[in-house]
Structures are given as structure tokens and as C-alpha cells.
Amino acid sequence: MKFALPALAALAISATPAAAVEQNCRFIQAKPDREACYRRQEEELAAKRKPAAPAAETNTLETLRQMRQDDDAVYRSINNICRGC
């Protein structure tokens, strides 16, 4: 019970900015202005999401490259083992 109030407060604070951005456009009376506001929001969200994807791809490619180097090192060490001794 002690931790419920701080957790609820943290949740309320973290959820407020996203809701505030959406409400700004909702209360604009002129339709062209409201649509322009929504369009700007969509562009901002797309810009925020875009850099995340290439970073994940770069990380994946780096991981695959490192795994390949490790595999090559293991294969080289296996080839040096005497199997017929």
C-alpha cells in the first residue's frame, strides 16, 4: 500500500505529456488548422520512430559480424586438432 501512491503518481506523470499533445489538436475549431495540427503530430512521431529502426539494424549486423568472427576462430582451432593420433 505504501508503494501504490508513488507508483500511481509516476504513471500519471508519464502518461500526461502524450495525452496533452493529442488534446491540443482536438480542441482547435477550424478544420484546416486541426488537420494541419494532426499532420504535424504524425510527422513528429514518424521522426521519433525513424532513427530507432536503423540503430537496431546496425546493432544486428554488428552482432552477426561478431558471431561470424567467433565461428571462424573456432573452426580454425578445430582444424588444428589431430584427429588420427
C-alpha atoms as a PDB file:
ATOM      1  CA  MET A   1       0.000   0.000   0.000  1.00  0.00           C
ATOM      2  CA  LYS A   2       2.941   2.317   0.700  1.00  0.00           C
ATOM      3  CA  PHE A   3       4.214   1.987  -2.829  1.00  0.00           C
ATOM      4  CA  ALA A   4       0.864   2.250  -4.603  1.00  0.00           C
ATOM      5  CA  LEU A   5       0.593   6.039  -4.336  1.00  0.00           C
ATOM      6  CA  PRO A   6       4.102   6.803  -5.692  1.00  0.00           C
ATOM      7  CA  ALA A   7       3.627   4.272  -8.491  1.00  0.00           C
ATOM      8  CA  LEU A   8       0.280   5.805  -9.413  1.00  0.00           C
ATOM      9  CA  ALA A   9       1.788   9.294  -9.361  1.00  0.00           C
ATOM     10  CA  ALA A  10       4.665   8.194 -11.618  1.00  0.00           C
ATOM     11  CA  LEU A  11       2.229   6.610 -14.045  1.00  0.00           C
ATOM     12  CA  ALA A  12       0.084   9.741 -14.153  1.00  0.00           C
ATOM     13  CA  ILE A  13       3.096  11.960 -14.798  1.00  0.00           C
ATOM     14  CA  SER A  14       4.453   9.742 -17.568  1.00  0.00           C
ATOM     15  CA  ALA A  15       1.083   9.480 -19.344  1.00  0.00           C
ATOM     16  CA  THR A  16       0.306  13.206 -19.220  1.00  0.00           C
ATOM     17  CA  PRO A  17       2.629  14.510 -21.978  1.00  0.00           C
ATOM     18  CA  ALA A  18       1.302  12.100 -24.609  1.00  0.00           C
ATOM     19  CA  ALA A  19      -2.292  12.976 -23.803  1.00  0.00           C
ATOM     20  CA  ALA A  20      -1.539  16.704 -23.736  1.00  0.00           C
ATOM     21  CA  VAL A  21      -0.118  16.631 -27.256  1.00  0.00           C
ATOM     22  CA  GLU A  22      -3.206  14.873 -28.582  1.00  0.00           C
ATOM     23  CA  GLN A  23      -5.636  17.220 -26.830  1.00  0.00           C
ATOM     24  CA  ASN A  24      -4.034  20.324 -28.300  1.00  0.00           C
ATOM     25  CA  CYS A  25      -5.309  19.441 -31.761  1.00  0.00           C
ATOM     26  CA  ARG A  26      -8.640  18.107 -30.613  1.00  0.00           C
ATOM     27  CA  PHE A  27      -9.873  21.493 -29.384  1.00  0.00           C
ATOM     28  CA  ILE A  28      -8.977  23.514 -32.486  1.00  0.00           C
ATOM     29  CA  GLN A  29     -12.260  24.646 -34.034  1.00  0.00           C
ATOM     30  CA  ALA A  30     -11.151  25.359 -37.621  1.00  0.00           C
ATOM     31  CA  LYS A  31     -10.973  22.117 -39.571  1.00  0.00           C
ATOM     32  CA  PRO A  32      -7.933  23.023 -41.760  1.00  0.00           C
ATOM     33  CA  ASP A  33      -5.960  24.121 -38.708  1.00  0.00           C
ATOM     34  CA  ARG A  34      -6.933  20.997 -36.796  1.00  0.00           C
ATOM     35  CA  GLU A  35      -5.910  18.747 -39.687  1.00  0.00           C
ATOM     36  CA  ALA A  36      -2.590  20.596 -40.015  1.00  0.00           C
ATOM     37  CA  CYS A  37      -2.004  20.074 -36.305  1.00  0.00           C
ATOM     38  CA  TYR A  38      -2.659  16.335 -36.630  1.00  0.00           C
ATOM     39  CA  ARG A  39      -0.336  16.177 -39.635  1.00  0.00           C
ATOM     40  CA  ARG A  40       2.453  17.861 -37.638  1.00  0.00           C
ATOM     41  CA  GLN A  41       1.950  15.364 -34.836  1.00  0.00           C
ATOM     42  CA  GLU A  42       2.196  12.453 -37.250  1.00  0.00           C
ATOM     43  CA  GLU A  43       5.426  13.853 -38.708  1.00  0.00           C
ATOM     44  CA  GLU A  44       6.911  14.312 -35.231  1.00  0.00           C
ATOM     45  CA  LEU A  45       6.031  10.751 -34.269  1.00  0.00           C
ATOM     46  CA  ALA A  46       7.453   9.401 -37.518  1.00  0.00           C
ATOM     47  CA  ALA A  47      10.676  11.353 -36.949  1.00  0.00           C
ATOM     48  CA  LYS A  48      10.979   9.932 -33.441  1.00  0.00           C
ATOM     49  CA  ARG A  49      10.424   6.365 -34.631  1.00  0.00           C
ATOM     50  CA  LYS A  50      12.678   6.523 -37.687  1.00  0.00           C
ATOM     51  CA  PRO A  51      16.114   6.670 -36.003  1.00  0.00           C
ATOM     52  CA  ALA A  52      15.287   3.657 -33.823  1.00  0.00           C
ATOM     53  CA  ALA A  53      14.988   1.247 -36.759  1.00  0.00           C
ATOM     54  CA  PRO A  54      18.413   1.834 -38.359  1.00  0.00           C
ATOM     55  CA  ALA A  55      20.104   1.620 -34.970  1.00  0.00           C
ATOM     56  CA  ALA A  56      18.538  -1.805 -34.409  1.00  0.00           C
ATOM     57  CA  GLU A  57      19.628  -2.964 -37.862  1.00  0.00           C
ATOM     58  CA  THR A  58      23.160  -1.719 -37.282  1.00  0.00           C
ATOM     59  CA  ASN A  59      23.279  -3.486 -33.946  1.00  0.00           C
ATOM     60  CA  THR A  60      22.026  -6.700 -35.536  1.00  0.00           C
ATOM     61  CA  LEU A  61      24.584  -6.543 -38.331  1.00  0.00           C
ATOM     62  CA  GLU A  62      27.358  -5.863 -35.823  1.00  0.00           C
ATOM     63  CA  THR A  63      26.248  -8.832 -33.727  1.00  0.00           C
ATOM     64  CA  LEU A  64      26.154 -11.109 -36.778  1.00  0.00           C
ATOM     65  CA  ARG A  65      29.612  -9.956 -37.826  1.00  0.00           C
ATOM     66  CA  GLN A  66      30.996 -10.646 -34.356  1.00  0.00           C
ATOM     67  CA  MET A  67      29.377 -14.095 -34.305  1.00  0.00           C
ATOM     68  CA  ARG A  68      30.911 -14.889 -37.692  1.00  0.00           C
ATOM     69  CA  GLN A  69      34.363 -13.896 -36.458  1.00  0.00           C
ATOM     70  CA  ASP A  70      33.931 -16.093 -33.386  1.00  0.00           C
ATOM     71  CA  ASP A  71      32.801 -19.007 -35.545  1.00  0.00           C
ATOM     72  CA  ASP A  72      35.821 -18.599 -37.825  1.00  0.00           C
ATOM     73  CA  ALA A  73      38.150 -18.658 -34.811  1.00  0.00           C
ATOM     74  CA  VAL A  74      36.517 -21.870 -33.549  1.00  0.00           C
ATOM     75  CA  TYR A  75      36.748 -23.528 -36.971  1.00  0.00           C
ATOM     76  CA  ARG A  76      40.459 -22.625 -37.206  1.00  0.00           C
ATOM     77  CA  SER A  77      41.129 -24.126 -33.781  1.00  0.00           C
ATOM     78  CA  ILE A  78      39.181 -27.296 -34.654  1.00  0.00           C
ATOM     79  CA  ASN A  79      41.215 -27.790 -37.847  1.00  0.00           C
ATOM     80  CA  ASN A  80      44.420 -27.803 -35.769  1.00  0.00           C
ATOM     81  CA  ILE A  81      43.256 -30.733 -33.597  1.00  0.00           C
ATOM     82  CA  CYS A  82      44.918 -34.037 -34.505  1.00  0.00           C
ATOM     83  CA  ARG A  83      42.092 -36.478 -35.183  1.00  0.00           C
ATOM     84  CA  GLY A  84      44.150 -39.521 -36.113  1.00  0.00           C
ATOM     85  CA  CYS A  85      46.598 -39.557 -33.220  1.00  0.00           C
END
